[in-house]
Amino acid sequence: MSGIGHNNGPSMEPGHGFRKVAWTKARAALLPTLPLEVVRTRVARAKRLGLPYRTYATIRATAGHDIVAFLFSGNALDLRPRRVDLPAPVAERLTDLPAGRLAAIYAPAGPEDVLAANPGRLDAAARAPDITASWRVVRDSVSGLVTGARVPRDGVVLVAATALERDWCAAAGLAGIVPAEGFFAPPTD
């Protein structure tokens, strides 16, 4: 029963309890139970990426794909207007990252300058969307960087330092977001 005045509360029709139990069992049967080797492989992949397993598994389940690249904002990389070289801890973290490494660089620093100052640490860089950019401009800018690097958008995780940058994920249809302070924090084993 639905219509005006109905609050969508529990059904009062006979058999409600049975339907609830049947539905709960059917839903549980649909959820996958992964073989132990698959779980071990995924735990190892999360460790290689430097992500907590829970974060990795959530992003993988949500996107439906593995993480193939990370998109870093200029703020997440701790770049400054006149400094284009990466700080030592950031550079060290990026050196052995087994995934694509993309960067969205804020003006006045140029993407070419950042790539030249950090050889082998970033795969591609482009200009970050302006702070006043419309949703469409943000989408086109971030999507352009990702597709230019030839990686699927739903396999890219955004590493962001500000709330404004977190909007890039939804605008461009990226796989998920990891806060910069968590991504660049020393590992806790």
N, C-alpha and C. Protein backbone atom coordinates (compact mmCIF):
# COMPACT_ATOMS: atom_id res chain seq x y z
N MET A 1 0.84 -1.17 0.00
CA MET A 1 0.00 0.00 0.00
C MET A 1 0.89 1.23 0.00
N SER A 2 0.68 2.11 -0.94
CA SER A 2 1.36 3.39 -0.93
C SER A 2 0.42 4.44 -1.49
N GLY A 3 0.63 5.62 -1.10
CA GLY A 3 -0.22 6.70 -1.54
C GLY A 3 -0.17 7.82 -0.52
N ILE A 4 -1.07 8.76 -0.66
CA ILE A 4 -1.11 9.90 0.24
C ILE A 4 -1.35 9.41 1.66
N GLY A 5 -0.52 9.86 2.58
CA GLY A 5 -0.67 9.50 3.98
C GLY A 5 0.09 8.26 4.39
N HIS A 6 0.69 7.55 3.43
CA HIS A 6 1.44 6.35 3.79
C HIS A 6 2.87 6.75 4.15
N ASN A 7 3.37 6.26 5.26
CA ASN A 7 4.71 6.65 5.72
C ASN A 7 5.78 5.62 5.35
N ASN A 8 5.46 4.68 4.50
CA ASN A 8 6.39 3.65 4.06
C ASN A 8 6.95 2.83 5.21
N GLY A 9 6.18 2.68 6.25
CA GLY A 9 6.57 1.85 7.38
C GLY A 9 6.45 0.39 7.02
N PRO A 10 6.67 -0.51 7.99
CA PRO A 10 6.60 -1.94 7.70
C PRO A 10 5.20 -2.36 7.27
N SER A 11 5.17 -3.35 6.43
CA SER A 11 3.90 -3.87 5.94
C SER A 11 3.15 -4.56 7.07
N MET A 12 1.87 -4.38 7.12
CA MET A 12 1.04 -5.04 8.13
C MET A 12 0.30 -6.24 7.54
N GLU A 13 0.61 -6.56 6.28
CA GLU A 13 -0.05 -7.67 5.61
C GLU A 13 0.48 -9.00 6.16
N PRO A 14 -0.32 -10.06 6.10
CA PRO A 14 0.14 -11.36 6.57
C PRO A 14 1.35 -11.84 5.77
N GLY A 15 2.28 -12.51 6.45
CA GLY A 15 3.46 -13.07 5.78
C GLY A 15 4.64 -12.12 5.72
N HIS A 16 4.54 -10.97 6.36
CA HIS A 16 5.63 -9.98 6.31
C HIS A 16 6.92 -10.55 6.90
N GLY A 17 6.83 -11.23 8.02
CA GLY A 17 8.02 -11.79 8.67
C GLY A 17 8.74 -12.78 7.78
N PHE A 18 7.95 -13.67 7.11
CA PHE A 18 8.55 -14.66 6.21
C PHE A 18 9.24 -13.97 5.04
N ARG A 19 8.57 -12.97 4.45
CA ARG A 19 9.18 -12.26 3.31
C ARG A 19 10.49 -11.58 3.72
N LYS A 20 10.52 -11.03 4.93
CA LYS A 20 11.74 -10.37 5.40
C LYS A 20 12.88 -11.38 5.55
N VAL A 21 12.60 -12.55 6.12
CA VAL A 21 13.62 -13.58 6.28
C VAL A 21 14.08 -14.08 4.92
N ALA A 22 13.13 -14.33 4.02
CA ALA A 22 13.47 -14.82 2.68
C ALA A 22 14.32 -13.79 1.93
N TRP A 23 13.95 -12.54 2.02
CA TRP A 23 14.70 -11.48 1.35
C TRP A 23 16.11 -11.37 1.92
N THR A 24 16.26 -11.43 3.22
CA THR A 24 17.57 -11.34 3.87
C THR A 24 18.47 -12.49 3.43
N LYS A 25 17.93 -13.71 3.37
CA LYS A 25 18.72 -14.87 2.94
C LYS A 25 19.09 -14.76 1.46
N ALA A 26 18.16 -14.32 0.63
CA ALA A 26 18.44 -14.18 -0.79
C ALA A 26 19.52 -13.12 -1.03
N ARG A 27 19.45 -12.04 -0.31
CA ARG A 27 20.45 -10.97 -0.46
C ARG A 27 21.83 -11.48 -0.02
N ALA A 28 21.90 -12.20 1.09
CA ALA A 28 23.17 -12.74 1.57
C ALA A 28 23.76 -13.72 0.56
N ALA A 29 22.90 -14.48 -0.12
CA ALA A 29 23.38 -15.44 -1.11
C ALA A 29 23.97 -14.74 -2.33
N LEU A 30 23.51 -13.51 -2.61
CA LEU A 30 24.02 -12.77 -3.76
C LEU A 30 25.40 -12.18 -3.50
N LEU A 31 25.70 -11.88 -2.24
CA LEU A 31 26.99 -11.29 -1.93
C LEU A 31 28.09 -12.31 -2.18
N PRO A 32 29.14 -11.88 -2.85
CA PRO A 32 30.19 -12.84 -3.19
C PRO A 32 31.01 -13.24 -1.97
N THR A 33 31.41 -14.48 -1.98
CA THR A 33 32.38 -14.95 -0.99
C THR A 33 33.64 -15.24 -1.78
N LEU A 34 34.66 -14.44 -1.54
CA LEU A 34 35.88 -14.54 -2.32
C LEU A 34 36.75 -15.68 -1.82
N PRO A 35 37.37 -16.41 -2.73
CA PRO A 35 38.33 -17.44 -2.33
C PRO A 35 39.50 -16.79 -1.57
N LEU A 36 40.09 -17.54 -0.71
CA LEU A 36 41.17 -17.03 0.14
C LEU A 36 42.33 -16.48 -0.68
N GLU A 37 42.66 -17.12 -1.79
CA GLU A 37 43.77 -16.64 -2.63
C GLU A 37 43.48 -15.28 -3.24
N VAL A 38 42.22 -15.04 -3.60
CA VAL A 38 41.85 -13.73 -4.15
C VAL A 38 42.00 -12.66 -3.07
N VAL A 39 41.56 -12.97 -1.87
CA VAL A 39 41.70 -12.02 -0.76
C VAL A 39 43.17 -11.74 -0.49
N ARG A 40 44.00 -12.77 -0.48
CA ARG A 40 45.43 -12.58 -0.25
C ARG A 40 46.06 -11.71 -1.34
N THR A 41 45.66 -11.94 -2.57
CA THR A 41 46.19 -11.15 -3.69
C THR A 41 45.79 -9.68 -3.53
N ARG A 42 44.56 -9.46 -3.14
CA ARG A 42 44.09 -8.08 -2.98
C ARG A 42 44.74 -7.39 -1.78
N VAL A 43 44.97 -8.12 -0.72
CA VAL A 43 45.67 -7.55 0.44
C VAL A 43 47.09 -7.16 0.04
N ALA A 44 47.75 -8.01 -0.75
CA ALA A 44 49.11 -7.71 -1.21
C ALA A 44 49.10 -6.49 -2.14
N ARG A 45 48.11 -6.39 -3.00
CA ARG A 45 48.00 -5.22 -3.91
C ARG A 45 47.79 -3.95 -3.10
N ALA A 46 46.93 -3.99 -2.11
CA ALA A 46 46.70 -2.81 -1.26
C ALA A 46 47.99 -2.40 -0.57
N LYS A 47 48.74 -3.37 -0.11
CA LYS A 47 50.01 -3.08 0.57
C LYS A 47 51.01 -2.44 -0.39
N ARG A 48 51.10 -2.97 -1.62
CA ARG A 48 52.01 -2.38 -2.62
C ARG A 48 51.62 -0.94 -2.96
N LEU A 49 50.32 -0.67 -2.97
CA LEU A 49 49.85 0.69 -3.24
C LEU A 49 49.99 1.61 -2.03
N GLY A 50 50.23 1.01 -0.87
CA GLY A 50 50.37 1.81 0.35
C GLY A 50 49.04 2.27 0.90
N LEU A 51 48.00 1.51 0.64
CA LEU A 51 46.66 1.85 1.13
C LEU A 51 46.21 0.83 2.16
N PRO A 52 45.42 1.26 3.13
CA PRO A 52 44.81 0.27 4.02
C PRO A 52 43.90 -0.65 3.20
N TYR A 53 43.84 -1.91 3.56
CA TYR A 53 43.03 -2.85 2.78
C TYR A 53 41.58 -2.41 2.70
N ARG A 54 41.05 -1.92 3.79
CA ARG A 54 39.64 -1.50 3.81
C ARG A 54 39.39 -0.40 2.77
N THR A 55 40.29 0.56 2.67
CA THR A 55 40.17 1.64 1.67
C THR A 55 40.26 1.07 0.27
N TYR A 56 41.26 0.23 0.04
CA TYR A 56 41.45 -0.39 -1.27
C TYR A 56 40.22 -1.20 -1.68
N ALA A 57 39.73 -2.04 -0.76
CA ALA A 57 38.59 -2.90 -1.06
C ALA A 57 37.33 -2.08 -1.33
N THR A 58 37.15 -1.00 -0.58
CA THR A 58 35.97 -0.14 -0.79
C THR A 58 36.02 0.51 -2.16
N ILE A 59 37.16 1.06 -2.53
CA ILE A 59 37.29 1.70 -3.84
C ILE A 59 37.11 0.67 -4.95
N ARG A 60 37.70 -0.50 -4.80
CA ARG A 60 37.60 -1.56 -5.81
C ARG A 60 36.16 -2.04 -5.97
N ALA A 61 35.47 -2.19 -4.85
CA ALA A 61 34.07 -2.65 -4.90
C ALA A 61 33.16 -1.58 -5.50
N THR A 62 33.42 -0.33 -5.16
CA THR A 62 32.58 0.76 -5.66
C THR A 62 32.79 0.97 -7.15
N ALA A 63 34.06 1.00 -7.57
CA ALA A 63 34.36 1.26 -8.98
C ALA A 63 34.16 0.03 -9.85
N GLY A 64 34.34 -1.15 -9.27
CA GLY A 64 34.24 -2.37 -10.06
C GLY A 64 35.51 -2.71 -10.80
N HIS A 65 36.58 -1.95 -10.55
CA HIS A 65 37.86 -2.16 -11.22
C HIS A 65 38.99 -1.97 -10.22
N ASP A 66 40.16 -2.45 -10.60
CA ASP A 66 41.34 -2.23 -9.76
C ASP A 66 41.82 -0.79 -9.95
N ILE A 67 42.62 -0.32 -9.02
CA ILE A 67 43.21 1.01 -9.10
C ILE A 67 44.38 0.93 -10.07
N VAL A 68 44.33 1.75 -11.13
CA VAL A 68 45.41 1.74 -12.12
C VAL A 68 46.25 3.01 -12.07
N ALA A 69 45.72 4.07 -11.44
CA ALA A 69 46.46 5.33 -11.37
C ALA A 69 45.95 6.19 -10.23
N PHE A 70 46.80 7.13 -9.82
CA PHE A 70 46.44 8.12 -8.82
C PHE A 70 46.56 9.50 -9.46
N LEU A 71 45.62 10.37 -9.15
CA LEU A 71 45.66 11.76 -9.60
C LEU A 71 45.91 12.62 -8.37
N PHE A 72 47.04 13.32 -8.35
CA PHE A 72 47.42 14.15 -7.22
C PHE A 72 47.17 15.61 -7.55
N SER A 73 46.58 16.33 -6.61
CA SER A 73 46.46 17.77 -6.78
C SER A 73 47.80 18.39 -6.42
N GLY A 74 48.05 19.61 -6.87
CA GLY A 74 49.27 20.31 -6.52
C GLY A 74 49.39 20.50 -5.01
N ASN A 75 48.26 20.72 -4.35
CA ASN A 75 48.28 20.85 -2.89
C ASN A 75 48.65 19.54 -2.22
N ALA A 76 48.15 18.43 -2.74
CA ALA A 76 48.48 17.12 -2.15
C ALA A 76 49.97 16.83 -2.30
N LEU A 77 50.57 17.30 -3.39
CA LEU A 77 51.99 17.10 -3.61
C LEU A 77 52.85 18.11 -2.85
N ASP A 78 52.20 19.03 -2.15
CA ASP A 78 52.88 20.04 -1.34
C ASP A 78 53.77 20.94 -2.20
N LEU A 79 53.27 21.28 -3.40
CA LEU A 79 53.99 22.20 -4.27
C LEU A 79 53.63 23.63 -3.88
N ARG A 80 54.54 24.54 -4.09
CA ARG A 80 54.34 25.96 -3.78
C ARG A 80 54.49 26.76 -5.06
N PRO A 81 54.01 28.00 -5.07
CA PRO A 81 54.08 28.78 -6.32
C PRO A 81 55.46 28.88 -6.94
N ARG A 82 56.49 28.98 -6.14
CA ARG A 82 57.85 29.13 -6.70
C ARG A 82 58.68 27.86 -6.54
N ARG A 83 58.11 26.79 -5.99
CA ARG A 83 58.87 25.55 -5.80
C ARG A 83 58.17 24.42 -6.55
N VAL A 84 58.84 23.89 -7.55
CA VAL A 84 58.23 22.83 -8.36
C VAL A 84 58.82 21.46 -8.07
N ASP A 85 59.87 21.40 -7.25
CA ASP A 85 60.42 20.09 -6.91
C ASP A 85 59.65 19.53 -5.71
N LEU A 86 59.43 18.24 -5.75
CA LEU A 86 58.64 17.59 -4.70
C LEU A 86 59.45 17.50 -3.40
N PRO A 87 58.80 17.70 -2.25
CA PRO A 87 59.50 17.48 -0.99
C PRO A 87 59.96 16.02 -0.90
N ALA A 88 61.02 15.77 -0.16
CA ALA A 88 61.63 14.43 -0.09
C ALA A 88 60.64 13.32 0.28
N PRO A 89 59.81 13.48 1.32
CA PRO A 89 58.90 12.37 1.66
C PRO A 89 57.88 12.08 0.55
N VAL A 90 57.42 13.13 -0.13
CA VAL A 90 56.46 12.95 -1.22
C VAL A 90 57.15 12.27 -2.40
N ALA A 91 58.33 12.74 -2.75
CA ALA A 91 59.08 12.14 -3.86
C ALA A 91 59.38 10.68 -3.60
N GLU A 92 59.75 10.36 -2.38
CA GLU A 92 60.05 8.97 -2.02
C GLU A 92 58.82 8.08 -2.16
N ARG A 93 57.67 8.59 -1.73
CA ARG A 93 56.42 7.81 -1.79
C ARG A 93 56.02 7.53 -3.24
N LEU A 94 56.26 8.49 -4.12
CA LEU A 94 55.87 8.34 -5.53
C LEU A 94 56.84 7.47 -6.32
N THR A 95 58.08 7.37 -5.88
CA THR A 95 59.11 6.69 -6.66
C THR A 95 58.75 5.25 -7.00
N ASP A 96 58.32 4.48 -6.05
CA ASP A 96 58.03 3.07 -6.29
C ASP A 96 56.55 2.73 -6.35
N LEU A 97 55.71 3.72 -6.55
CA LEU A 97 54.27 3.49 -6.60
C LEU A 97 53.92 2.67 -7.84
N PRO A 98 53.34 1.46 -7.66
CA PRO A 98 53.06 0.58 -8.81
C PRO A 98 51.73 0.91 -9.50
N ALA A 99 51.55 2.18 -9.84
CA ALA A 99 50.35 2.63 -10.54
C ALA A 99 50.71 3.93 -11.25
N GLY A 100 49.85 4.35 -12.16
CA GLY A 100 50.08 5.61 -12.85
C GLY A 100 50.07 6.77 -11.86
N ARG A 101 50.86 7.80 -12.16
CA ARG A 101 50.98 8.96 -11.28
C ARG A 101 50.72 10.22 -12.10
N LEU A 102 49.54 10.79 -11.91
CA LEU A 102 49.12 11.98 -12.64
C LEU A 102 49.07 13.15 -11.67
N ALA A 103 49.26 14.37 -12.19
CA ALA A 103 49.23 15.55 -11.32
C ALA A 103 48.46 16.68 -11.98
N ALA A 104 47.66 17.36 -11.17
CA ALA A 104 46.95 18.56 -11.60
C ALA A 104 47.62 19.73 -10.88
N ILE A 105 48.31 20.58 -11.63
CA ILE A 105 49.19 21.61 -11.09
C ILE A 105 48.51 22.98 -11.15
N TYR A 106 48.57 23.69 -10.04
CA TYR A 106 48.01 25.04 -9.96
C TYR A 106 49.00 26.07 -10.49
N ALA A 107 48.47 27.14 -11.08
CA ALA A 107 49.29 28.28 -11.51
C ALA A 107 49.85 28.96 -10.28
N PRO A 108 50.97 29.56 -10.32
CA PRO A 108 51.76 29.90 -11.50
C PRO A 108 52.73 28.80 -11.95
N ALA A 109 52.86 27.74 -11.20
CA ALA A 109 53.74 26.65 -11.62
C ALA A 109 53.19 26.01 -12.89
N GLY A 110 54.07 25.63 -13.76
CA GLY A 110 53.65 25.00 -15.00
C GLY A 110 53.79 23.49 -14.92
N PRO A 111 52.86 22.74 -15.50
CA PRO A 111 52.96 21.27 -15.49
C PRO A 111 54.27 20.76 -16.08
N GLU A 112 54.76 21.42 -17.14
CA GLU A 112 56.01 21.00 -17.76
C GLU A 112 57.18 21.17 -16.80
N ASP A 113 57.15 22.28 -16.03
CA ASP A 113 58.22 22.54 -15.06
C ASP A 113 58.24 21.49 -13.96
N VAL A 114 57.05 21.09 -13.50
CA VAL A 114 56.96 20.08 -12.44
C VAL A 114 57.47 18.73 -12.95
N LEU A 115 57.09 18.36 -14.17
CA LEU A 115 57.58 17.10 -14.75
C LEU A 115 59.10 17.12 -14.92
N ALA A 116 59.63 18.24 -15.37
CA ALA A 116 61.07 18.34 -15.59
C ALA A 116 61.85 18.31 -14.28
N ALA A 117 61.30 18.89 -13.23
CA ALA A 117 61.99 18.94 -11.94
C ALA A 117 61.90 17.63 -11.18
N ASN A 118 61.02 16.72 -11.60
CA ASN A 118 60.79 15.46 -10.89
C ASN A 118 60.80 14.29 -11.86
N PRO A 119 61.91 14.04 -12.53
CA PRO A 119 61.92 12.96 -13.54
C PRO A 119 61.66 11.59 -12.91
N GLY A 120 60.79 10.83 -13.57
CA GLY A 120 60.49 9.47 -13.12
C GLY A 120 59.51 9.38 -11.96
N ARG A 121 59.06 10.50 -11.44
CA ARG A 121 58.15 10.45 -10.29
C ARG A 121 56.70 10.70 -10.69
N LEU A 122 56.49 11.38 -11.80
CA LEU A 122 55.13 11.64 -12.31
C LEU A 122 55.08 11.22 -13.77
N ASP A 123 53.97 10.63 -14.17
CA ASP A 123 53.82 10.16 -15.55
C ASP A 123 53.23 11.23 -16.46
N ALA A 124 52.35 12.06 -15.91
CA ALA A 124 51.72 13.12 -16.69
C ALA A 124 51.26 14.22 -15.76
N ALA A 125 51.19 15.42 -16.29
CA ALA A 125 50.71 16.56 -15.50
C ALA A 125 49.99 17.53 -16.43
N ALA A 126 49.03 18.23 -15.87
CA ALA A 126 48.28 19.24 -16.61
C ALA A 126 47.87 20.33 -15.63
N ARG A 127 47.34 21.39 -16.16
CA ARG A 127 46.89 22.51 -15.33
C ARG A 127 45.66 22.08 -14.54
N ALA A 128 45.64 22.41 -13.26
CA ALA A 128 44.49 22.12 -12.39
C ALA A 128 43.36 23.10 -12.72
N PRO A 129 42.12 22.68 -12.51
CA PRO A 129 41.01 23.62 -12.72
C PRO A 129 41.13 24.81 -11.78
N ASP A 130 40.74 25.96 -12.27
CA ASP A 130 40.76 27.17 -11.46
C ASP A 130 39.74 27.06 -10.32
N ILE A 131 39.99 27.77 -9.26
CA ILE A 131 39.12 27.70 -8.08
C ILE A 131 37.70 28.16 -8.38
N THR A 132 37.54 29.02 -9.38
CA THR A 132 36.22 29.54 -9.73
C THR A 132 35.61 28.83 -10.93
N ALA A 133 36.23 27.76 -11.37
CA ALA A 133 35.76 27.05 -12.57
C ALA A 133 34.39 26.41 -12.34
N SER A 134 33.60 26.38 -13.39
CA SER A 134 32.29 25.73 -13.33
C SER A 134 32.46 24.22 -13.28
N TRP A 135 31.39 23.53 -12.94
CA TRP A 135 31.40 22.07 -12.85
C TRP A 135 31.83 21.47 -14.18
N ARG A 136 31.32 22.02 -15.28
CA ARG A 136 31.65 21.49 -16.60
C ARG A 136 33.14 21.66 -16.91
N VAL A 137 33.69 22.82 -16.57
CA VAL A 137 35.11 23.06 -16.82
C VAL A 137 35.97 22.12 -15.97
N VAL A 138 35.58 21.92 -14.71
CA VAL A 138 36.30 20.99 -13.84
C VAL A 138 36.25 19.59 -14.43
N ARG A 139 35.05 19.16 -14.83
CA ARG A 139 34.90 17.83 -15.43
C ARG A 139 35.77 17.66 -16.66
N ASP A 140 35.72 18.63 -17.56
CA ASP A 140 36.49 18.53 -18.80
C ASP A 140 37.99 18.57 -18.55
N SER A 141 38.41 19.40 -17.61
CA SER A 141 39.83 19.53 -17.30
C SER A 141 40.39 18.24 -16.69
N VAL A 142 39.73 17.72 -15.67
CA VAL A 142 40.21 16.51 -15.00
C VAL A 142 40.06 15.30 -15.93
N SER A 143 38.94 15.19 -16.61
CA SER A 143 38.74 14.08 -17.55
C SER A 143 39.77 14.11 -18.67
N GLY A 144 40.11 15.31 -19.14
CA GLY A 144 41.10 15.45 -20.20
C GLY A 144 42.47 14.95 -19.77
N LEU A 145 42.85 15.26 -18.54
CA LEU A 145 44.14 14.78 -18.02
C LEU A 145 44.14 13.26 -17.94
N VAL A 146 43.05 12.68 -17.44
CA VAL A 146 42.99 11.23 -17.25
C VAL A 146 42.94 10.51 -18.60
N THR A 147 42.11 10.95 -19.50
CA THR A 147 42.02 10.27 -20.80
C THR A 147 43.29 10.51 -21.62
N GLY A 148 43.94 11.66 -21.45
CA GLY A 148 45.20 11.92 -22.13
C GLY A 148 46.30 10.97 -21.67
N ALA A 149 46.20 10.51 -20.43
CA ALA A 149 47.16 9.54 -19.90
C ALA A 149 46.78 8.11 -20.27
N ARG A 150 45.67 7.95 -20.96
CA ARG A 150 45.19 6.64 -21.43
C ARG A 150 44.92 5.65 -20.29
N VAL A 151 44.25 6.15 -19.26
CA VAL A 151 43.80 5.29 -18.18
C VAL A 151 42.30 5.49 -18.00
N PRO A 152 41.59 4.44 -17.61
CA PRO A 152 40.14 4.58 -17.43
C PRO A 152 39.83 5.43 -16.19
N ARG A 153 38.86 6.33 -16.33
CA ARG A 153 38.52 7.22 -15.21
C ARG A 153 38.11 6.44 -13.97
N ASP A 154 37.40 5.32 -14.16
CA ASP A 154 36.93 4.57 -12.98
C ASP A 154 38.02 3.68 -12.38
N GLY A 155 39.25 3.86 -12.84
CA GLY A 155 40.39 3.18 -12.24
C GLY A 155 41.37 4.16 -11.61
N VAL A 156 40.97 5.44 -11.57
CA VAL A 156 41.84 6.50 -11.04
C VAL A 156 41.32 6.97 -9.69
N VAL A 157 42.22 7.03 -8.72
CA VAL A 157 41.89 7.52 -7.38
C VAL A 157 42.49 8.90 -7.21
N LEU A 158 41.68 9.83 -6.75
CA LEU A 158 42.12 11.19 -6.51
C LEU A 158 42.75 11.30 -5.12
N VAL A 159 43.93 11.88 -5.06
CA VAL A 159 44.58 12.19 -3.77
C VAL A 159 44.46 13.70 -3.63
N ALA A 160 43.58 14.13 -2.72
CA ALA A 160 43.23 15.54 -2.59
C ALA A 160 43.58 16.07 -1.21
N ALA A 161 43.87 17.38 -1.17
CA ALA A 161 44.23 18.03 0.10
C ALA A 161 43.15 18.99 0.59
N THR A 162 42.22 19.39 -0.28
CA THR A 162 41.19 20.35 0.12
C THR A 162 39.81 19.84 -0.28
N ALA A 163 38.81 20.44 0.33
CA ALA A 163 37.42 20.06 0.02
C ALA A 163 37.07 20.40 -1.42
N LEU A 164 37.58 21.51 -1.92
CA LEU A 164 37.31 21.91 -3.30
C LEU A 164 37.85 20.87 -4.28
N GLU A 165 39.01 20.32 -3.99
CA GLU A 165 39.59 19.30 -4.86
C GLU A 165 38.80 18.00 -4.80
N ARG A 166 38.18 17.71 -3.70
CA ARG A 166 37.40 16.47 -3.59
C ARG A 166 36.24 16.44 -4.58
N ASP A 167 35.77 17.61 -4.97
CA ASP A 167 34.69 17.69 -5.96
C ASP A 167 35.13 17.18 -7.33
N TRP A 168 36.42 17.16 -7.59
CA TRP A 168 36.92 16.68 -8.88
C TRP A 168 36.52 15.24 -9.12
N CYS A 169 36.45 14.46 -8.05
CA CYS A 169 36.14 13.03 -8.17
C CYS A 169 34.76 12.83 -8.79
N ALA A 170 33.77 13.51 -8.23
CA ALA A 170 32.41 13.37 -8.75
C ALA A 170 32.28 13.99 -10.14
N ALA A 171 32.93 15.13 -10.34
CA ALA A 171 32.82 15.82 -11.62
C ALA A 171 33.37 14.97 -12.76
N ALA A 172 34.48 14.30 -12.52
CA ALA A 172 35.13 13.53 -13.60
C ALA A 172 34.79 12.04 -13.58
N GLY A 173 34.03 11.58 -12.58
CA GLY A 173 33.68 10.16 -12.52
C GLY A 173 34.85 9.28 -12.16
N LEU A 174 35.68 9.73 -11.22
CA LEU A 174 36.84 8.94 -10.80
C LEU A 174 36.41 7.85 -9.82
N ALA A 175 37.31 6.92 -9.53
CA ALA A 175 36.99 5.76 -8.70
C ALA A 175 36.77 6.10 -7.23
N GLY A 176 37.52 7.06 -6.71
CA GLY A 176 37.39 7.40 -5.30
C GLY A 176 38.38 8.46 -4.89
N ILE A 177 38.38 8.75 -3.60
CA ILE A 177 39.23 9.81 -3.05
C ILE A 177 39.99 9.27 -1.85
N VAL A 178 41.25 9.66 -1.75
CA VAL A 178 42.06 9.38 -0.57
C VAL A 178 42.61 10.72 -0.11
N PRO A 179 42.47 11.05 1.17
CA PRO A 179 43.04 12.32 1.64
C PRO A 179 44.57 12.30 1.57
N ALA A 180 45.15 13.42 1.20
CA ALA A 180 46.61 13.51 1.06
C ALA A 180 47.33 13.18 2.35
N GLU A 181 46.80 13.65 3.47
CA GLU A 181 47.50 13.40 4.74
C GLU A 181 47.54 11.91 5.06
N GLY A 182 46.56 11.15 4.64
CA GLY A 182 46.57 9.70 4.84
C GLY A 182 47.46 8.99 3.85
N PHE A 183 47.48 9.47 2.61
CA PHE A 183 48.27 8.82 1.57
C PHE A 183 49.77 8.98 1.81
N PHE A 184 50.17 10.16 2.25
CA PHE A 184 51.59 10.44 2.44
C PHE A 184 52.06 10.23 3.88
N ALA A 185 51.17 9.74 4.74
CA ALA A 185 51.58 9.46 6.13
C ALA A 185 52.48 8.23 6.14
N PRO A 186 53.41 8.17 7.10
CA PRO A 186 54.25 6.97 7.19
C PRO A 186 53.39 5.73 7.46
N PRO A 187 53.72 4.59 6.87
CA PRO A 187 52.92 3.38 7.05
C PRO A 187 52.92 2.93 8.52
N THR A 188 51.77 2.42 8.93
CA THR A 188 51.64 1.88 10.29
C THR A 188 51.34 0.39 10.18
N ASP A 189 52.31 -0.41 10.48
CA ASP A 189 52.12 -1.88 10.37
C ASP A 189 51.92 -2.49 11.71
